[in-house]
Amino acid sequence: MEATSQSDSHSDRAYTWLSRNGLYVEAGISIVAIALGALALPLLAFGSLAAIGGEGSILTGGAAVALLCAVLLLGLAVVLLVYGYLEVSREGLPFTGGGGARTLAYDGVRTIETAAAGTFIGGLLTALGSAGFVGNVPTVLSVTVVAAAVGLPVTVLVHAAGRFVSFVIGTS
């Protein structure tokens, strides 16, 4: 019985911390991931052209920046999925309780964030499995993973902007 109460204690503390600070961490990771992605794209494009001539260091640097961006997005997705799980276990499923427009907007944006996070992680795992077992990744799967990778930080930043506007207006 003690292990259950200790586990509940950890999940309660995690939920409390994430509900107070999670959006700040999520927005920070999103900003850094977007900046790294914007830096990686030209490095990869120019590096691939330079690699044709035998110079591979730019391509290697671009790949390292892209990998760091992917790791940050993976961390963001994990945080969003953990918070989504904790929130559903504490508050219940979204869109089931009463509430106004603010509750509806919050439930909607959290649902989109959680779906994007699940799509990114699930698609990434499926792509890795497909590449390992079959030897190639279907184009549809690649597009899905990239769309989730782009949509994930954008959705988090839209959420943060909405929270900021709500705070400025004084409705929070």
C-alpha atoms as a PDB file:
ATOM      1  CA  MET A   1       0.000   0.000   0.000  1.00  0.00           C
ATOM      2  CA  GLU A   2       2.888   2.343   0.726  1.00  0.00           C
ATOM      3  CA  ALA A   3       4.285   1.992  -2.800  1.00  0.00           C
ATOM      4  CA  THR A   4       0.937   3.078  -4.247  1.00  0.00           C
ATOM      5  CA  SER A   5       0.719   6.175  -2.059  1.00  0.00           C
ATOM      6  CA  GLN A   6       4.342   7.035  -2.845  1.00  0.00           C
ATOM      7  CA  SER A   7       3.618   6.612  -6.567  1.00  0.00           C
ATOM      8  CA  ASP A   8       0.533   8.804  -6.236  1.00  0.00           C
ATOM      9  CA  SER A   9       2.663  11.343  -4.440  1.00  0.00           C
ATOM     10  CA  HIS A  10       5.143  11.441  -7.321  1.00  0.00           C
ATOM     11  CA  SER A  11       2.400  11.765  -9.934  1.00  0.00           C
ATOM     12  CA  ASP A  12       0.690  14.467  -7.848  1.00  0.00           C
ATOM     13  CA  ARG A  13       3.921  16.430  -7.635  1.00  0.00           C
ATOM     14  CA  ALA A  14       4.605  15.956 -11.346  1.00  0.00           C
ATOM     15  CA  TYR A  15       1.086  17.095 -12.238  1.00  0.00           C
ATOM     16  CA  THR A  16       1.328  20.123  -9.950  1.00  0.00           C
ATOM     17  CA  TRP A  17       4.705  21.130 -11.336  1.00  0.00           C
ATOM     18  CA  LEU A  18       3.624  20.640 -14.953  1.00  0.00           C
ATOM     19  CA  SER A  19       0.383  22.553 -14.456  1.00  0.00           C
ATOM     20  CA  ARG A  20       2.312  25.512 -13.015  1.00  0.00           C
ATOM     21  CA  ASN A  21       5.498  25.484 -15.122  1.00  0.00           C
ATOM     22  CA  GLY A  22       4.909  23.121 -18.019  1.00  0.00           C
ATOM     23  CA  LEU A  23       3.873  25.719 -20.587  1.00  0.00           C
ATOM     24  CA  TYR A  24       7.003  27.778 -19.921  1.00  0.00           C
ATOM     25  CA  VAL A  25       9.239  24.745 -20.429  1.00  0.00           C
ATOM     26  CA  GLU A  26       7.272  23.616 -23.478  1.00  0.00           C
ATOM     27  CA  ALA A  27       7.440  27.083 -25.061  1.00  0.00           C
ATOM     28  CA  GLY A  28      11.166  27.361 -24.361  1.00  0.00           C
ATOM     29  CA  ILE A  29      11.883  23.988 -25.933  1.00  0.00           C
ATOM     30  CA  SER A  30       9.670  24.930 -28.887  1.00  0.00           C
ATOM     31  CA  ILE A  31      11.521  28.182 -29.522  1.00  0.00           C
ATOM     32  CA  VAL A  32      14.924  26.483 -29.371  1.00  0.00           C
ATOM     33  CA  ALA A  33      13.741  23.617 -31.606  1.00  0.00           C
ATOM     34  CA  ILE A  34      12.359  26.033 -34.209  1.00  0.00           C
ATOM     35  CA  ALA A  35      15.595  28.039 -34.176  1.00  0.00           C
ATOM     36  CA  LEU A  36      17.696  24.893 -34.562  1.00  0.00           C
ATOM     37  CA  GLY A  37      15.454  23.633 -37.358  1.00  0.00           C
ATOM     38  CA  ALA A  38      15.770  26.961 -39.155  1.00  0.00           C
ATOM     39  CA  LEU A  39      19.549  26.716 -38.793  1.00  0.00           C
ATOM     40  CA  ALA A  40      19.706  23.072 -39.880  1.00  0.00           C
ATOM     41  CA  LEU A  41      17.796  23.496 -43.142  1.00  0.00           C
ATOM     42  CA  PRO A  42      20.286  25.770 -44.938  1.00  0.00           C
ATOM     43  CA  LEU A  43      23.223  23.836 -43.488  1.00  0.00           C
ATOM     44  CA  LEU A  44      21.803  20.584 -44.839  1.00  0.00           C
ATOM     45  CA  ALA A  45      20.921  22.110 -48.214  1.00  0.00           C
ATOM     46  CA  PHE A  46      24.295  23.784 -48.728  1.00  0.00           C
ATOM     47  CA  GLY A  47      26.136  20.887 -47.131  1.00  0.00           C
ATOM     48  CA  SER A  48      24.590  18.404 -49.549  1.00  0.00           C
ATOM     49  CA  LEU A  49      25.762  20.534 -52.466  1.00  0.00           C
ATOM     50  CA  ALA A  50      29.214  20.919 -50.953  1.00  0.00           C
ATOM     51  CA  ALA A  51      29.375  17.159 -50.323  1.00  0.00           C
ATOM     52  CA  ILE A  52      29.123  16.569 -54.061  1.00  0.00           C
ATOM     53  CA  GLY A  53      32.505  18.278 -54.370  1.00  0.00           C
ATOM     54  CA  GLY A  54      33.975  16.208 -51.553  1.00  0.00           C
ATOM     55  CA  GLU A  55      33.514  18.631 -48.616  1.00  0.00           C
ATOM     56  CA  GLY A  56      31.359  16.817 -46.046  1.00  0.00           C
ATOM     57  CA  SER A  57      31.923  18.898 -42.921  1.00  0.00           C
ATOM     58  CA  ILE A  58      29.026  21.300 -43.577  1.00  0.00           C
ATOM     59  CA  LEU A  59      26.655  18.396 -44.144  1.00  0.00           C
ATOM     60  CA  THR A  60      27.898  16.723 -40.967  1.00  0.00           C
ATOM     61  CA  GLY A  61      27.354  19.918 -38.986  1.00  0.00           C
ATOM     62  CA  GLY A  62      23.865  20.330 -40.437  1.00  0.00           C
ATOM     63  CA  ALA A  63      23.031  16.732 -39.561  1.00  0.00           C
ATOM     64  CA  ALA A  64      24.235  17.285 -35.986  1.00  0.00           C
ATOM     65  CA  VAL A  65      22.057  20.400 -35.627  1.00  0.00           C
ATOM     66  CA  ALA A  66      19.076  18.529 -37.128  1.00  0.00           C
ATOM     67  CA  LEU A  67      19.652  15.645 -34.705  1.00  0.00           C
ATOM     68  CA  LEU A  68      19.699  18.037 -31.753  1.00  0.00           C
ATOM     69  CA  CYS A  69      16.460  19.582 -33.010  1.00  0.00           C
ATOM     70  CA  ALA A  70      14.892  16.116 -33.287  1.00  0.00           C
ATOM     71  CA  VAL A  71      16.000  15.220 -29.745  1.00  0.00           C
ATOM     72  CA  LEU A  72      14.437  18.439 -28.414  1.00  0.00           C
ATOM     73  CA  LEU A  73      11.200  17.696 -30.275  1.00  0.00           C
ATOM     74  CA  LEU A  74      11.218  14.163 -28.896  1.00  0.00           C
ATOM     75  CA  GLY A  75      11.656  15.542 -25.362  1.00  0.00           C
ATOM     76  CA  LEU A  76       8.839  18.030 -25.945  1.00  0.00           C
ATOM     77  CA  ALA A  77       6.582  15.256 -27.191  1.00  0.00           C
ATOM     78  CA  VAL A  78       7.345  13.098 -24.149  1.00  0.00           C
ATOM     79  CA  VAL A  79       6.591  15.998 -21.773  1.00  0.00           C
ATOM     80  CA  LEU A  80       3.298  16.677 -23.554  1.00  0.00           C
ATOM     81  CA  LEU A  81       2.267  13.024 -23.471  1.00  0.00           C
ATOM     82  CA  VAL A  82       3.124  12.662 -19.778  1.00  0.00           C
ATOM     83  CA  TYR A  83       1.236  15.843 -18.940  1.00  0.00           C
ATOM     84  CA  GLY A  84      -1.715  14.736 -21.072  1.00  0.00           C
ATOM     85  CA  TYR A  85      -1.825  11.407 -19.262  1.00  0.00           C
ATOM     86  CA  LEU A  86      -1.597  13.046 -15.837  1.00  0.00           C
ATOM     87  CA  GLU A  87      -4.256  15.588 -16.739  1.00  0.00           C
ATOM     88  CA  VAL A  88      -6.696  12.971 -18.010  1.00  0.00           C
ATOM     89  CA  SER A  89      -6.123  10.826 -14.918  1.00  0.00           C
ATOM     90  CA  ARG A  90      -6.819  13.834 -12.642  1.00  0.00           C
ATOM     91  CA  GLU A  91      -9.415  15.872 -14.534  1.00  0.00           C
ATOM     92  CA  GLY A  92     -11.025  13.301 -16.827  1.00  0.00           C
ATOM     93  CA  LEU A  93     -11.406  13.352 -20.577  1.00  0.00           C
ATOM     94  CA  PRO A  94     -11.528  16.738 -22.307  1.00  0.00           C
ATOM     95  CA  PHE A  95     -14.790  18.162 -23.676  1.00  0.00           C
ATOM     96  CA  THR A  96     -16.902  16.232 -21.147  1.00  0.00           C
ATOM     97  CA  GLY A  97     -17.317  18.781 -18.376  1.00  0.00           C
ATOM     98  CA  GLY A  98     -19.085  22.067 -18.347  1.00  0.00           C
ATOM     99  CA  GLY A  99     -17.273  25.263 -18.868  1.00  0.00           C
ATOM    100  CA  GLY A 100     -17.055  28.275 -21.048  1.00  0.00           C
ATOM    101  CA  ALA A 101     -15.123  29.235 -24.103  1.00  0.00           C
ATOM    102  CA  ARG A 102     -11.855  29.321 -22.171  1.00  0.00           C
ATOM    103  CA  THR A 103     -12.240  25.697 -21.049  1.00  0.00           C
ATOM    104  CA  LEU A 104     -13.199  24.665 -24.567  1.00  0.00           C
ATOM    105  CA  ALA A 105     -10.153  26.459 -26.033  1.00  0.00           C
ATOM    106  CA  TYR A 106      -7.836  24.915 -23.427  1.00  0.00           C
ATOM    107  CA  ASP A 107      -9.192  21.410 -23.990  1.00  0.00           C
ATOM    108  CA  GLY A 108      -8.914  21.887 -27.748  1.00  0.00           C
ATOM    109  CA  VAL A 109      -5.329  23.100 -27.765  1.00  0.00           C
ATOM    110  CA  ARG A 110      -4.183  20.453 -25.276  1.00  0.00           C
ATOM    111  CA  THR A 111      -5.865  17.763 -27.377  1.00  0.00           C
ATOM    112  CA  ILE A 112      -4.115  19.020 -30.527  1.00  0.00           C
ATOM    113  CA  GLU A 113      -0.760  19.185 -28.698  1.00  0.00           C
ATOM    114  CA  THR A 114      -1.161  15.657 -27.353  1.00  0.00           C
ATOM    115  CA  ALA A 115      -2.238  14.308 -30.742  1.00  0.00           C
ATOM    116  CA  ALA A 116       0.746  15.970 -32.447  1.00  0.00           C
ATOM    117  CA  ALA A 117       3.087  14.556 -29.795  1.00  0.00           C
ATOM    118  CA  GLY A 118       1.658  11.055 -30.172  1.00  0.00           C
ATOM    119  CA  THR A 119       1.779  11.288 -33.954  1.00  0.00           C
ATOM    120  CA  PHE A 120       5.399  12.445 -33.863  1.00  0.00           C
ATOM    121  CA  ILE A 121       6.593   9.712 -31.499  1.00  0.00           C
ATOM    122  CA  GLY A 122       4.474   6.986 -33.085  1.00  0.00           C
ATOM    123  CA  GLY A 123       5.471   8.009 -36.596  1.00  0.00           C
ATOM    124  CA  LEU A 124       9.124   8.247 -35.662  1.00  0.00           C
ATOM    125  CA  LEU A 125       9.089   4.771 -34.102  1.00  0.00           C
ATOM    126  CA  THR A 126       7.218   3.378 -37.101  1.00  0.00           C
ATOM    127  CA  ALA A 127       9.679   5.014 -39.505  1.00  0.00           C
ATOM    128  CA  LEU A 128      12.642   3.585 -37.598  1.00  0.00           C
ATOM    129  CA  GLY A 129      11.028   0.144 -37.577  1.00  0.00           C
ATOM    130  CA  SER A 130      10.200   0.360 -41.265  1.00  0.00           C
ATOM    131  CA  ALA A 131      13.736   1.448 -42.118  1.00  0.00           C
ATOM    132  CA  GLY A 132      15.166  -1.393 -40.032  1.00  0.00           C
ATOM    133  CA  PHE A 133      12.921  -4.195 -41.254  1.00  0.00           C
ATOM    134  CA  VAL A 134      11.980  -3.210 -44.797  1.00  0.00           C
ATOM    135  CA  GLY A 135      14.894  -0.955 -45.672  1.00  0.00           C
ATOM    136  CA  ASN A 136      12.908   2.137 -46.628  1.00  0.00           C
ATOM    137  CA  VAL A 137      10.370   4.537 -45.166  1.00  0.00           C
ATOM    138  CA  PRO A 138       7.105   5.183 -47.035  1.00  0.00           C
ATOM    139  CA  THR A 139       6.700   8.759 -48.244  1.00  0.00           C
ATOM    140  CA  VAL A 140       3.369   9.156 -46.454  1.00  0.00           C
ATOM    141  CA  LEU A 141       4.997   8.222 -43.159  1.00  0.00           C
ATOM    142  CA  SER A 142       7.861  10.669 -43.730  1.00  0.00           C
ATOM    143  CA  VAL A 143       5.421  13.475 -44.502  1.00  0.00           C
ATOM    144  CA  THR A 144       3.374  12.610 -41.416  1.00  0.00           C
ATOM    145  CA  VAL A 145       6.414  12.718 -39.135  1.00  0.00           C
ATOM    146  CA  VAL A 146       7.627  16.015 -40.613  1.00  0.00           C
ATOM    147  CA  ALA A 147       4.150  17.562 -40.341  1.00  0.00           C
ATOM    148  CA  ALA A 148       3.891  16.496 -36.696  1.00  0.00           C
ATOM    149  CA  ALA A 149       7.426  17.790 -36.036  1.00  0.00           C
ATOM    150  CA  VAL A 150       6.503  21.188 -37.465  1.00  0.00           C
ATOM    151  CA  GLY A 151       3.038  21.304 -35.918  1.00  0.00           C
ATOM    152  CA  LEU A 152       4.155  20.335 -32.428  1.00  0.00           C
ATOM    153  CA  PRO A 153       6.179  23.445 -31.493  1.00  0.00           C
ATOM    154  CA  VAL A 154       3.866  25.724 -33.451  1.00  0.00           C
ATOM    155  CA  THR A 155       0.846  24.480 -31.492  1.00  0.00           C
ATOM    156  CA  VAL A 156       2.692  24.927 -28.206  1.00  0.00           C
ATOM    157  CA  LEU A 157       3.610  28.499 -29.137  1.00  0.00           C
ATOM    158  CA  VAL A 158       0.013  29.253 -30.145  1.00  0.00           C
ATOM    159  CA  HIS A 159      -1.050  27.935 -26.732  1.00  0.00           C
ATOM    160  CA  ALA A 160       1.552  30.104 -24.982  1.00  0.00           C
ATOM    161  CA  ALA A 161       0.479  33.164 -26.979  1.00  0.00           C
ATOM    162  CA  GLY A 162      -3.147  32.505 -26.076  1.00  0.00           C
ATOM    163  CA  ARG A 163      -2.235  32.180 -22.407  1.00  0.00           C
ATOM    164  CA  PHE A 164      -0.277  35.451 -22.601  1.00  0.00           C
ATOM    165  CA  VAL A 165      -3.162  37.295 -24.276  1.00  0.00           C
ATOM    166  CA  SER A 166      -5.548  35.850 -21.682  1.00  0.00           C
ATOM    167  CA  PHE A 167      -3.230  37.090 -18.928  1.00  0.00           C
ATOM    168  CA  VAL A 168      -2.926  40.574 -20.454  1.00  0.00           C
ATOM    169  CA  ILE A 169      -6.671  40.889 -20.882  1.00  0.00           C
ATOM    170  CA  GLY A 170      -7.125  39.708 -17.325  1.00  0.00           C
ATOM    171  CA  THR A 171      -9.292  36.664 -17.833  1.00  0.00           C
ATOM    172  CA  SER A 172      -6.893  34.134 -16.318  1.00  0.00           C
END
